C-alpha atoms as a PDB file:
ATOM      1  CA  UNK A   1     -15.562 122.921   5.780  1.00  0.00           C
ATOM      2  CA  UNK A   2     -15.702 126.124   7.785  1.00  0.00           C
ATOM      3  CA  UNK A   3     -12.505 127.777   8.835  1.00  0.00           C
ATOM      4  CA  UNK A   4     -12.853 126.319  12.423  1.00  0.00           C
ATOM      5  CA  UNK A   5     -13.204 122.934  10.957  1.00  0.00           C
ATOM      6  CA  UNK A   6     -10.101 123.254   9.054  1.00  0.00           C
ATOM      7  CA  UNK A   7      -8.119 124.232  12.109  1.00  0.00           C
ATOM      8  CA  UNK A   8      -9.485 121.336  13.982  1.00  0.00           C
ATOM      9  CA  UNK A   9      -8.849 118.913  10.931  1.00  0.00           C
ATOM     10  CA  UNK A  10      -5.151 119.968  10.798  1.00  0.00           C
ATOM     11  CA  UNK A  11      -4.609 120.018  14.386  1.00  0.00           C
ATOM     12  CA  UNK A  12      -5.713 116.696  14.676  1.00  0.00           C
ATOM     13  CA  UNK A  13      -3.530 115.516  11.765  1.00  0.00           C
ATOM     14  CA  UNK A  14      -0.413 117.281  13.457  1.00  0.00           C
ATOM     15  CA  UNK A  15      -1.093 115.886  16.912  1.00  0.00           C
ATOM     16  CA  UNK A  16      -1.082 112.216  15.337  1.00  0.00           C
ATOM     17  CA  UNK A  17       1.959 112.808  13.111  1.00  0.00           C
ATOM     18  CA  UNK A  18       4.013 115.856  14.377  1.00  0.00           C
ATOM     19  CA  UNK A  19       6.765 115.508  11.551  1.00  0.00           C
ATOM     20  CA  UNK A  20       5.442 113.742   8.447  1.00  0.00           C
ATOM     21  CA  UNK A  21       7.783 112.776   5.867  1.00  0.00           C
ATOM     22  CA  UNK A  22       7.816 111.565   2.061  1.00  0.00           C
ATOM     23  CA  UNK A  23       7.832 107.861   1.995  1.00  0.00           C
ATOM     24  CA  UNK A  24      10.333 108.347  -1.144  1.00  0.00           C
ATOM     25  CA  UNK A  25      13.948 107.335  -0.086  1.00  0.00           C
ATOM     26  CA  UNK A  26      16.686 109.494  -0.837  1.00  0.00           C
ATOM     27  CA  UNK A  27      19.860 111.063   0.640  1.00  0.00           C
ATOM     28  CA  UNK A  28      20.329 114.150  -1.388  1.00  0.00           C
ATOM     29  CA  UNK A  29      18.290 116.834  -3.405  1.00  0.00           C
ATOM     30  CA  UNK A  30      19.316 115.355  -6.638  1.00  0.00           C
ATOM     31  CA  UNK A  31      18.072 111.847  -5.525  1.00  0.00           C
ATOM     32  CA  UNK A  32      14.872 113.483  -4.362  1.00  0.00           C
ATOM     33  CA  UNK A  33      14.324 115.094  -7.658  1.00  0.00           C
ATOM     34  CA  UNK A  34      14.965 111.879  -9.423  1.00  0.00           C
ATOM     35  CA  UNK A  35      12.819 109.824  -7.161  1.00  0.00           C
ATOM     36  CA  UNK A  36       9.863 112.313  -7.530  1.00  0.00           C
ATOM     37  CA  UNK A  37      10.354 112.266 -11.402  1.00  0.00           C
ATOM     38  CA  UNK A  38      10.306 108.439 -11.473  1.00  0.00           C
ATOM     39  CA  UNK A  39       7.014 108.229  -9.089  1.00  0.00           C
ATOM     40  CA  UNK A  40       4.519 109.709 -11.547  1.00  0.00           C
ATOM     41  CA  UNK A  41       1.711 106.811 -12.009  1.00  0.00           C
ATOM     42  CA  UNK A  42       3.858 104.441  -9.684  1.00  0.00           C
ATOM     43  CA  UNK A  43       3.825 103.536  -6.175  1.00  0.00           C
ATOM     44  CA  UNK A  44       6.565 104.814  -3.795  1.00  0.00           C
ATOM     45  CA  UNK A  45       7.328 101.196  -2.699  1.00  0.00           C
ATOM     46  CA  UNK A  46       8.175 100.386  -6.554  1.00  0.00           C
ATOM     47  CA  UNK A  47      10.100 103.603  -6.960  1.00  0.00           C
ATOM     48  CA  UNK A  48      12.239 102.881  -3.734  1.00  0.00           C
ATOM     49  CA  UNK A  49      13.094  99.462  -4.882  1.00  0.00           C
ATOM     50  CA  UNK A  50      14.354 100.677  -8.180  1.00  0.00           C
ATOM     51  CA  UNK A  51      16.242 103.563  -6.912  1.00  0.00           C
ATOM     52  CA  UNK A  52      18.021 101.731  -4.089  1.00  0.00           C
ATOM     53  CA  UNK A  53      20.174 100.138  -6.945  1.00  0.00           C
ATOM     54  CA  UNK A  54      20.032 103.142  -9.147  1.00  0.00           C
ATOM     55  CA  UNK A  55      21.231 105.590  -6.612  1.00  0.00           C
ATOM     56  CA  UNK A  56      23.927 103.399  -5.568  1.00  0.00           C
ATOM     57  CA  UNK A  57      25.447 103.373  -8.846  1.00  0.00           C
ATOM     58  CA  UNK A  58      24.503 106.939  -9.862  1.00  0.00           C
ATOM     59  CA  UNK A  59      24.230 109.294  -6.643  1.00  0.00           C
ATOM     60  CA  UNK A  60      24.817 112.506  -8.794  1.00  0.00           C
ATOM     61  CA  UNK A  61      23.755 113.897 -12.217  1.00  0.00           C
ATOM     62  CA  UNK A  62      27.289 113.354 -13.675  1.00  0.00           C
ATOM     63  CA  UNK A  63      27.266 109.875 -12.668  1.00  0.00           C
ATOM     64  CA  UNK A  64      23.932 109.212 -14.068  1.00  0.00           C
ATOM     65  CA  UNK A  65      24.965 110.523 -17.454  1.00  0.00           C
ATOM     66  CA  UNK A  66      27.963 108.085 -17.100  1.00  0.00           C
ATOM     67  CA  UNK A  67      25.777 105.377 -16.568  1.00  0.00           C
ATOM     68  CA  UNK A  68      23.982 105.845 -19.623  1.00  0.00           C
ATOM     69  CA  UNK A  69      20.657 105.406 -21.050  1.00  0.00           C
ATOM     70  CA  UNK A  70      20.615 101.686 -21.530  1.00  0.00           C
ATOM     71  CA  UNK A  71      21.797 100.975 -17.893  1.00  0.00           C
ATOM     72  CA  UNK A  72      19.338 103.345 -16.307  1.00  0.00           C
ATOM     73  CA  UNK A  73      16.518 102.097 -18.458  1.00  0.00           C
ATOM     74  CA  UNK A  74      17.423  98.625 -17.251  1.00  0.00           C
ATOM     75  CA  UNK A  75      17.696  99.557 -13.603  1.00  0.00           C
ATOM     76  CA  UNK A  76      14.125 101.296 -13.450  1.00  0.00           C
ATOM     77  CA  UNK A  77      12.402  98.734 -15.809  1.00  0.00           C
ATOM     78  CA  UNK A  78      10.015  97.728 -12.892  1.00  0.00           C
ATOM     79  CA  UNK A  79       8.539 101.244 -12.868  1.00  0.00           C
ATOM     80  CA  UNK A  80       5.636 102.291 -15.059  1.00  0.00           C
ATOM     81  CA  UNK A  81       6.600 104.209 -18.141  1.00  0.00           C
ATOM     82  CA  UNK A  82      10.321 103.380 -17.431  1.00  0.00           C
ATOM     83  CA  UNK A  83      11.322 104.308 -21.035  1.00  0.00           C
ATOM     84  CA  UNK A  84      10.167 107.717 -20.974  1.00  0.00           C
ATOM     85  CA  UNK A  85      11.203 108.180 -17.545  1.00  0.00           C
ATOM     86  CA  UNK A  86      14.804 107.155 -18.234  1.00  0.00           C
ATOM     87  CA  UNK A  87      15.039 109.389 -21.112  1.00  0.00           C
ATOM     88  CA  UNK A  88      13.578 112.533 -19.080  1.00  0.00           C
ATOM     89  CA  UNK A  89      15.943 111.588 -16.185  1.00  0.00           C
ATOM     90  CA  UNK A  90      19.013 111.599 -18.397  1.00  0.00           C
ATOM     91  CA  UNK A  91      17.689 114.663 -20.238  1.00  0.00           C
ATOM     92  CA  UNK A  92      17.398 116.388 -16.730  1.00  0.00           C
ATOM     93  CA  UNK A  93      20.780 115.299 -15.701  1.00  0.00           C
ATOM     94  CA  UNK A  94      22.280 117.176 -18.688  1.00  0.00           C
ATOM     95  CA  UNK A  95      20.718 120.197 -18.033  1.00  0.00           C
ATOM     96  CA  UNK A  96      21.828 120.065 -14.356  1.00  0.00           C
ATOM     97  CA  UNK A  97      25.311 119.581 -15.339  1.00  0.00           C
ATOM     98  CA  UNK A  98      25.310 121.998 -18.049  1.00  0.00           C
ATOM     99  CA  UNK A  99      23.364 124.819 -16.771  1.00  0.00           C
ATOM    100  CA  UNK A 100      23.405 124.469 -13.017  1.00  0.00           C
ATOM    101  CA  UNK A 101      26.813 123.150 -12.169  1.00  0.00           C
ATOM    102  CA  UNK A 102      25.338 119.770 -11.193  1.00  0.00           C
ATOM    103  CA  UNK A 103      23.081 121.080  -8.509  1.00  0.00           C
ATOM    104  CA  UNK A 104      19.260 121.094  -8.404  1.00  0.00           C
ATOM    105  CA  UNK A 105      17.921 124.599  -8.787  1.00  0.00           C
ATOM    106  CA  UNK A 106      15.851 126.238  -6.065  1.00  0.00           C
ATOM    107  CA  UNK A 107      12.934 128.137  -8.258  1.00  0.00           C
ATOM    108  CA  UNK A 108       9.723 126.743  -9.589  1.00  0.00           C
ATOM    109  CA  UNK A 109      10.595 128.160 -13.165  1.00  0.00           C
ATOM    110  CA  UNK A 110      14.020 126.440 -13.342  1.00  0.00           C
ATOM    111  CA  UNK A 111      12.511 123.020 -11.843  1.00  0.00           C
ATOM    112  CA  UNK A 112       9.723 123.149 -14.374  1.00  0.00           C
ATOM    113  CA  UNK A 113      12.112 123.720 -17.158  1.00  0.00           C
ATOM    114  CA  UNK A 114      13.501 120.204 -16.723  1.00  0.00           C
ATOM    115  CA  UNK A 115      12.315 117.372 -18.728  1.00  0.00           C
ATOM    116  CA  UNK A 116       9.779 115.211 -16.843  1.00  0.00           C
ATOM    117  CA  UNK A 117       9.336 117.741 -14.203  1.00  0.00           C
ATOM    118  CA  UNK A 118       5.703 119.441 -13.777  1.00  0.00           C
ATOM    119  CA  UNK A 119       4.224 121.421 -11.173  1.00  0.00           C
ATOM    120  CA  UNK A 120       3.546 118.726  -8.836  1.00  0.00           C
ATOM    121  CA  UNK A 121       7.095 117.478  -8.862  1.00  0.00           C
ATOM    122  CA  UNK A 122       8.524 121.084  -8.641  1.00  0.00           C
ATOM    123  CA  UNK A 123       6.394 121.658  -5.412  1.00  0.00           C
ATOM    124  CA  UNK A 124       7.523 118.435  -3.963  1.00  0.00           C
ATOM    125  CA  UNK A 125      11.161 119.440  -4.338  1.00  0.00           C
ATOM    126  CA  UNK A 126      10.408 123.110  -3.142  1.00  0.00           C
ATOM    127  CA  UNK A 127       8.759 121.826  -0.051  1.00  0.00           C
ATOM    128  CA  UNK A 128      10.716 118.719   1.047  1.00  0.00           C
ATOM    129  CA  UNK A 129      14.333 119.728  -0.102  1.00  0.00           C
ATOM    130  CA  UNK A 130      13.833 123.649   0.601  1.00  0.00           C
ATOM    131  CA  UNK A 131      11.055 124.021   3.062  1.00  0.00           C
ATOM    132  CA  UNK A 132       8.679 126.059   0.772  1.00  0.00           C
ATOM    133  CA  UNK A 133       5.066 126.311   1.690  1.00  0.00           C
ATOM    134  CA  UNK A 134       3.844 124.304  -1.317  1.00  0.00           C
ATOM    135  CA  UNK A 135       1.076 121.946  -1.969  1.00  0.00           C
ATOM    136  CA  UNK A 136       2.042 119.191  -4.095  1.00  0.00           C
ATOM    137  CA  UNK A 137      -1.424 118.052  -5.400  1.00  0.00           C
ATOM    138  CA  UNK A 138      -1.397 114.359  -6.545  1.00  0.00           C
ATOM    139  CA  UNK A 139      -4.540 112.009  -6.838  1.00  0.00           C
ATOM    140  CA  UNK A 140      -4.538 111.517  -3.189  1.00  0.00           C
ATOM    141  CA  UNK A 141      -4.640 115.132  -2.225  1.00  0.00           C
ATOM    142  CA  UNK A 142      -7.133 115.859  -4.935  1.00  0.00           C
ATOM    143  CA  UNK A 143      -9.398 113.221  -3.580  1.00  0.00           C
ATOM    144  CA  UNK A 144      -9.164 114.056  -0.030  1.00  0.00           C
ATOM    145  CA  UNK A 145      -9.795 117.764  -0.606  1.00  0.00           C
ATOM    146  CA  UNK A 146     -12.848 117.173  -2.718  1.00  0.00           C
ATOM    147  CA  UNK A 147     -14.296 114.490  -0.605  1.00  0.00           C
ATOM    148  CA  UNK A 148     -13.894 116.041   2.814  1.00  0.00           C
ATOM    149  CA  UNK A 149     -14.937 119.585   1.393  1.00  0.00           C
ATOM    150  CA  UNK A 150     -11.628 120.806   2.616  1.00  0.00           C
ATOM    151  CA  UNK A 151     -10.888 122.777  -0.756  1.00  0.00           C
ATOM    152  CA  UNK A 152     -13.109 121.457  -3.605  1.00  0.00           C
ATOM    153  CA  UNK A 153     -11.820 121.841  -7.051  1.00  0.00           C
ATOM    154  CA  UNK A 154     -12.113 120.620 -10.597  1.00  0.00           C
ATOM    155  CA  UNK A 155      -8.390 120.561 -11.218  1.00  0.00           C
ATOM    156  CA  UNK A 156      -5.188 120.042  -9.323  1.00  0.00           C
ATOM    157  CA  UNK A 157      -4.242 123.660  -9.770  1.00  0.00           C
ATOM    158  CA  UNK A 158      -7.923 124.870  -8.455  1.00  0.00           C
ATOM    159  CA  UNK A 159      -7.243 122.515  -5.467  1.00  0.00           C
ATOM    160  CA  UNK A 160      -3.569 123.844  -4.875  1.00  0.00           C
ATOM    161  CA  UNK A 161      -4.833 127.415  -4.970  1.00  0.00           C
ATOM    162  CA  UNK A 162      -7.634 126.502  -2.541  1.00  0.00           C
ATOM    163  CA  UNK A 163      -5.266 124.803   0.103  1.00  0.00           C
ATOM    164  CA  UNK A 164      -3.033 127.763  -0.021  1.00  0.00           C
ATOM    165  CA  UNK A 165      -5.728 130.142   0.722  1.00  0.00           C
ATOM    166  CA  UNK A 166      -7.707 128.059   3.372  1.00  0.00           C
ATOM    167  CA  UNK A 167      -5.042 126.106   5.190  1.00  0.00           C
ATOM    168  CA  UNK A 168      -3.625 128.110   8.199  1.00  0.00           C
ATOM    169  CA  UNK A 169      -0.008 129.097   7.344  1.00  0.00           C
ATOM    170  CA  UNK A 170       1.457 127.341  10.198  1.00  0.00           C
ATOM    171  CA  UNK A 171       0.419 124.182   8.583  1.00  0.00           C
ATOM    172  CA  UNK A 172       1.544 124.802   5.106  1.00  0.00           C
ATOM    173  CA  UNK A 173       5.063 123.098   5.147  1.00  0.00           C
ATOM    174  CA  UNK A 174       3.547 119.840   6.347  1.00  0.00           C
ATOM    175  CA  UNK A 175      -0.009 119.835   4.977  1.00  0.00           C
ATOM    176  CA  UNK A 176       0.635 118.141   1.674  1.00  0.00           C
ATOM    177  CA  UNK A 177       2.327 115.248   3.446  1.00  0.00           C
ATOM    178  CA  UNK A 178      -0.541 114.869   6.110  1.00  0.00           C
ATOM    179  CA  UNK A 179      -3.043 114.788   3.213  1.00  0.00           C
ATOM    180  CA  UNK A 180      -1.033 112.246   0.976  1.00  0.00           C
ATOM    181  CA  UNK A 181      -0.729 110.038   3.963  1.00  0.00           C
ATOM    182  CA  UNK A 182      -4.460 110.267   4.819  1.00  0.00           C
ATOM    183  CA  UNK A 183      -5.445 109.648   1.379  1.00  0.00           C
ATOM    184  CA  UNK A 184      -3.090 106.667   0.914  1.00  0.00           C
ATOM    185  CA  UNK A 185      -3.977 104.742   4.149  1.00  0.00           C
ATOM    186  CA  UNK A 186      -7.563 106.192   5.467  1.00  0.00           C
ATOM    187  CA  UNK A 187      -9.239 108.077   2.976  1.00  0.00           C
ATOM    188  CA  UNK A 188      -8.695 105.558   0.192  1.00  0.00           C
ATOM    189  CA  UNK A 189     -10.234 105.709  -3.389  1.00  0.00           C
ATOM    190  CA  UNK A 190     -12.929 103.052  -3.230  1.00  0.00           C
ATOM    191  CA  UNK A 191     -13.822 102.352   0.324  1.00  0.00           C
ATOM    192  CA  UNK A 192     -12.639 105.005   2.811  1.00  0.00           C
ATOM    193  CA  UNK A 193     -12.056 104.008   6.326  1.00  0.00           C
ATOM    194  CA  UNK A 194     -14.322 106.433   7.866  1.00  0.00           C
ATOM    195  CA  UNK A 195     -14.907 104.294  10.960  1.00  0.00           C
ATOM    196  CA  UNK A 196     -11.212 104.747  11.949  1.00  0.00           C
ATOM    197  CA  UNK A 197     -10.772 108.102  10.788  1.00  0.00           C
ATOM    198  CA  UNK A 198      -9.497 110.735  13.154  1.00  0.00           C
ATOM    199  CA  UNK A 199     -10.578 113.729  11.407  1.00  0.00           C
ATOM    200  CA  UNK A 200     -14.345 112.432  10.472  1.00  0.00           C
ATOM    201  CA  UNK A 201     -16.004 114.982  12.816  1.00  0.00           C
ATOM    202  CA  UNK A 202     -14.902 117.737  10.440  1.00  0.00           C
ATOM    203  CA  UNK A 203     -15.458 116.078   7.075  1.00  0.00           C
ATOM    204  CA  UNK A 204     -18.302 116.542   4.933  1.00  0.00           C
ATOM    205  CA  UNK A 205     -18.383 113.125   3.709  1.00  0.00           C
ATOM    206  CA  UNK A 206     -18.118 111.677   7.526  1.00  0.00           C
ATOM    207  CA  UNK A 207     -20.814 113.942   8.598  1.00  0.00           C
ATOM    208  CA  UNK A 208     -23.085 112.884   5.737  1.00  0.00           C
ATOM    209  CA  UNK A 209     -22.607 109.341   6.595  1.00  0.00           C
ATOM    210  CA  UNK A 210     -23.272 110.022  10.248  1.00  0.00           C
ATOM    211  CA  UNK A 211     -26.376 111.823   9.247  1.00  0.00           C
ATOM    212  CA  UNK A 212     -27.675 108.987   6.933  1.00  0.00           C
ATOM    213  CA  UNK A 213     -27.121 106.531   9.503  1.00  0.00           C
ATOM    214  CA  UNK A 214     -29.259 108.269  12.153  1.00  0.00           C
ATOM    215  CA  UNK A 215     -32.973 106.905  11.984  1.00  0.00           C
ATOM    216  CA  UNK A 216     -34.170 110.622  11.900  1.00  0.00           C
ATOM    217  CA  UNK A 217     -31.766 111.887   9.355  1.00  0.00           C
ATOM    218  CA  UNK A 218     -29.598 113.772  12.129  1.00  0.00           C
ATOM    219  CA  UNK A 219     -26.406 112.791  13.782  1.00  0.00           C
ATOM    220  CA  UNK A 220     -27.004 110.451  16.649  1.00  0.00           C
ATOM    221  CA  UNK A 221     -27.093 112.152  20.205  1.00  0.00           C
ATOM    222  CA  UNK A 222     -26.056 110.733  23.443  1.00  0.00           C
END
């Protein structure tokens, strides 16, 4: 994608969804952190079903610790990797209580020092909770960035660095939401819905399909 293509790409996504939001349910920064930690290799829908019960009983790190490992494990049993995640969540709560007065830290270094919190999770918390212009590259963003030609990369970190370099600064805060939602509902993994894609005119994959469909190997003209 050219710089002009990227501007048009994000302007179109912004016009369609001016205030994109995460689909994870939470009512505090701690609940956001916990939900994102639990969402690895799981759908937001499955996480929300579990956390509605979990957060009603334990809306703070101290309350989560008081709930105990066995009860937390039972409450999130429907989520993939629930045993590992419950241990990481309780270990994270211990650090939050003992080192951060029960508050979620605002730096990447401190966040990534928490058990079960990697770069992507830290980026989500920094962006959603604190408004930092980060790019949380999950499987959806990785796929969309490579398929569209937005910022091709071999690793999530390469894609993240590319996005921060190429996406206009005014779109940084919301860009990862737009890309996740686009990958989740339109630019899906196996059969992307190109026929109803609003950003197809600026997408390398979409333009390739259009060119291939033309009898002369060029985009159709009126």
